[in-house]
N, C-alpha and C. Protein backbone atom coordinates (compact mmCIF):
# COMPACT_ATOMS: atom_id res chain seq x y z
N MET A 1 0.83 -1.18 0.00
CA MET A 1 0.00 0.00 0.00
C MET A 1 0.87 1.25 0.00
N LYS A 2 0.41 2.25 -0.68
CA LYS A 2 1.14 3.50 -0.67
C LYS A 2 0.94 4.20 0.68
N LYS A 3 1.94 4.98 1.07
CA LYS A 3 1.88 5.66 2.37
C LYS A 3 0.65 6.55 2.49
N GLU A 4 0.31 7.26 1.41
CA GLU A 4 -0.85 8.15 1.46
C GLU A 4 -2.13 7.37 1.73
N LYS A 5 -2.26 6.22 1.09
CA LYS A 5 -3.45 5.39 1.29
C LYS A 5 -3.49 4.84 2.71
N ILE A 6 -2.35 4.44 3.22
CA ILE A 6 -2.27 3.93 4.59
C ILE A 6 -2.66 5.02 5.57
N ILE A 7 -2.15 6.22 5.36
CA ILE A 7 -2.46 7.33 6.26
C ILE A 7 -3.94 7.66 6.19
N ASP A 8 -4.51 7.68 4.99
CA ASP A 8 -5.94 7.95 4.85
C ASP A 8 -6.79 6.88 5.54
N GLU A 9 -6.41 5.62 5.36
CA GLU A 9 -7.14 4.53 6.01
C GLU A 9 -7.00 4.60 7.52
N LEU A 10 -5.80 4.91 7.99
CA LEU A 10 -5.57 5.05 9.42
C LEU A 10 -6.41 6.19 9.99
N ASP A 11 -6.47 7.29 9.28
CA ASP A 11 -7.29 8.42 9.71
C ASP A 11 -8.75 8.03 9.80
N LYS A 12 -9.25 7.32 8.80
CA LYS A 12 -10.65 6.89 8.77
C LYS A 12 -10.94 5.94 9.94
N LEU A 13 -10.07 4.97 10.14
CA LEU A 13 -10.29 3.98 11.20
C LEU A 13 -10.21 4.61 12.58
N THR A 14 -9.26 5.51 12.78
CA THR A 14 -9.16 6.14 14.10
C THR A 14 -10.34 7.07 14.36
N LEU A 15 -10.84 7.73 13.31
CA LEU A 15 -12.03 8.56 13.47
C LEU A 15 -13.23 7.70 13.87
N GLU A 16 -13.41 6.58 13.19
CA GLU A 16 -14.50 5.66 13.53
C GLU A 16 -14.36 5.14 14.96
N ALA A 17 -13.15 4.78 15.34
CA ALA A 17 -12.91 4.29 16.69
C ALA A 17 -13.21 5.37 17.72
N ASP A 18 -12.84 6.59 17.41
CA ASP A 18 -13.11 7.70 18.31
C ASP A 18 -14.61 7.91 18.48
N MET A 19 -15.34 7.87 17.40
CA MET A 19 -16.79 8.03 17.47
C MET A 19 -17.43 6.89 18.26
N LEU A 20 -16.93 5.67 18.05
CA LEU A 20 -17.47 4.52 18.77
C LEU A 20 -17.20 4.61 20.26
N THR A 21 -16.02 5.09 20.63
CA THR A 21 -15.73 5.22 22.06
C THR A 21 -16.61 6.29 22.69
N GLU A 22 -16.96 7.31 21.93
CA GLU A 22 -17.88 8.32 22.45
C GLU A 22 -19.26 7.71 22.69
N VAL A 23 -19.72 6.90 21.75
CA VAL A 23 -21.00 6.21 21.92
C VAL A 23 -20.93 5.26 23.11
N LEU A 24 -19.83 4.56 23.23
CA LEU A 24 -19.65 3.64 24.36
C LEU A 24 -19.71 4.40 25.68
N ASP A 25 -19.06 5.54 25.74
CA ASP A 25 -19.08 6.35 26.95
C ASP A 25 -20.50 6.78 27.29
N ASP A 26 -21.26 7.21 26.29
CA ASP A 26 -22.66 7.58 26.52
C ASP A 26 -23.48 6.39 27.02
N ALA A 27 -23.23 5.22 26.42
CA ALA A 27 -23.95 4.01 26.84
C ALA A 27 -23.60 3.64 28.27
N LEU A 28 -22.34 3.77 28.62
CA LEU A 28 -21.93 3.46 29.99
C LEU A 28 -22.63 4.37 30.99
N LYS A 29 -22.76 5.64 30.65
CA LYS A 29 -23.43 6.57 31.54
C LYS A 29 -24.89 6.20 31.74
N GLN A 30 -25.52 5.69 30.69
CA GLN A 30 -26.93 5.31 30.77
C GLN A 30 -27.13 3.99 31.52
N HIS A 31 -26.15 3.11 31.45
CA HIS A 31 -26.29 1.77 32.03
C HIS A 31 -25.48 1.58 33.30
N ILE A 32 -24.99 2.65 33.84
CA ILE A 32 -24.09 2.53 34.98
C ILE A 32 -24.72 1.80 36.17
N GLU A 33 -26.03 1.93 36.33
CA GLU A 33 -26.68 1.28 37.48
C GLU A 33 -27.44 0.02 37.07
N LYS A 34 -27.29 -0.42 35.82
CA LYS A 34 -28.00 -1.60 35.34
C LYS A 34 -27.03 -2.76 35.18
N ASP A 35 -27.57 -3.96 35.26
CA ASP A 35 -26.74 -5.15 35.08
C ASP A 35 -26.60 -5.53 33.61
N ASP A 36 -27.55 -5.10 32.78
CA ASP A 36 -27.54 -5.47 31.37
C ASP A 36 -26.56 -4.60 30.59
N VAL A 37 -25.45 -5.20 30.21
CA VAL A 37 -24.43 -4.45 29.49
C VAL A 37 -24.15 -5.06 28.12
N CYS A 38 -25.14 -5.71 27.53
CA CYS A 38 -24.94 -6.34 26.22
C CYS A 38 -24.56 -5.33 25.15
N ALA A 39 -25.24 -4.20 25.14
CA ALA A 39 -24.93 -3.18 24.13
C ALA A 39 -23.51 -2.68 24.29
N ILE A 40 -23.08 -2.54 25.52
CA ILE A 40 -21.72 -2.06 25.78
C ILE A 40 -20.70 -3.09 25.31
N SER A 41 -20.95 -4.34 25.54
CA SER A 41 -20.05 -5.39 25.07
C SER A 41 -19.98 -5.40 23.56
N TYR A 42 -21.11 -5.20 22.91
CA TYR A 42 -21.15 -5.17 21.45
C TYR A 42 -20.31 -4.00 20.92
N LEU A 43 -20.49 -2.83 21.48
CA LEU A 43 -19.70 -1.68 21.05
C LEU A 43 -18.22 -1.89 21.33
N SER A 44 -17.92 -2.49 22.43
CA SER A 44 -16.53 -2.78 22.77
C SER A 44 -15.89 -3.68 21.72
N GLU A 45 -16.61 -4.68 21.27
CA GLU A 45 -16.09 -5.58 20.24
C GLU A 45 -15.85 -4.83 18.93
N ILE A 46 -16.74 -3.95 18.56
CA ILE A 46 -16.56 -3.15 17.34
C ILE A 46 -15.28 -2.32 17.45
N ILE A 47 -15.06 -1.73 18.60
CA ILE A 47 -13.86 -0.92 18.81
C ILE A 47 -12.61 -1.78 18.68
N ARG A 48 -12.65 -2.95 19.27
CA ARG A 48 -11.49 -3.84 19.16
C ARG A 48 -11.21 -4.22 17.71
N ARG A 49 -12.26 -4.47 16.92
CA ARG A 49 -12.06 -4.80 15.50
C ARG A 49 -11.43 -3.64 14.75
N LYS A 50 -11.86 -2.43 15.05
CA LYS A 50 -11.29 -1.25 14.38
C LYS A 50 -9.80 -1.13 14.69
N PHE A 51 -9.45 -1.33 15.95
CA PHE A 51 -8.05 -1.23 16.30
C PHE A 51 -7.22 -2.37 15.72
N ARG A 52 -7.82 -3.53 15.54
CA ARG A 52 -7.10 -4.63 14.86
C ARG A 52 -6.79 -4.24 13.42
N LYS A 53 -7.75 -3.56 12.78
CA LYS A 53 -7.53 -3.10 11.39
C LYS A 53 -6.40 -2.07 11.36
N ILE A 54 -6.35 -1.21 12.35
CA ILE A 54 -5.28 -0.22 12.41
C ILE A 54 -3.94 -0.92 12.54
N ARG A 55 -3.86 -1.87 13.45
CA ARG A 55 -2.59 -2.60 13.63
C ARG A 55 -2.19 -3.36 12.38
N ALA A 56 -3.16 -3.86 11.63
CA ALA A 56 -2.86 -4.62 10.42
C ALA A 56 -2.25 -3.74 9.32
N LEU A 57 -2.46 -2.45 9.40
CA LEU A 57 -1.89 -1.56 8.40
C LEU A 57 -0.37 -1.46 8.51
N PHE A 58 0.16 -1.77 9.68
CA PHE A 58 1.59 -1.62 9.88
C PHE A 58 2.23 -2.94 9.91
């Protein structure tokens, strides 16, 4: 891959990960007193996949 394409892909993935962590933070605030954290686990997995893609670029 060309460096420019890698940088663009990295930028896109990190932006998506940042947005997902913001959603996760909002979800945590809403579920802080509840036992049901399925949605939070799902978002967490999405974040982990995004970061795996970032690591795969290098």
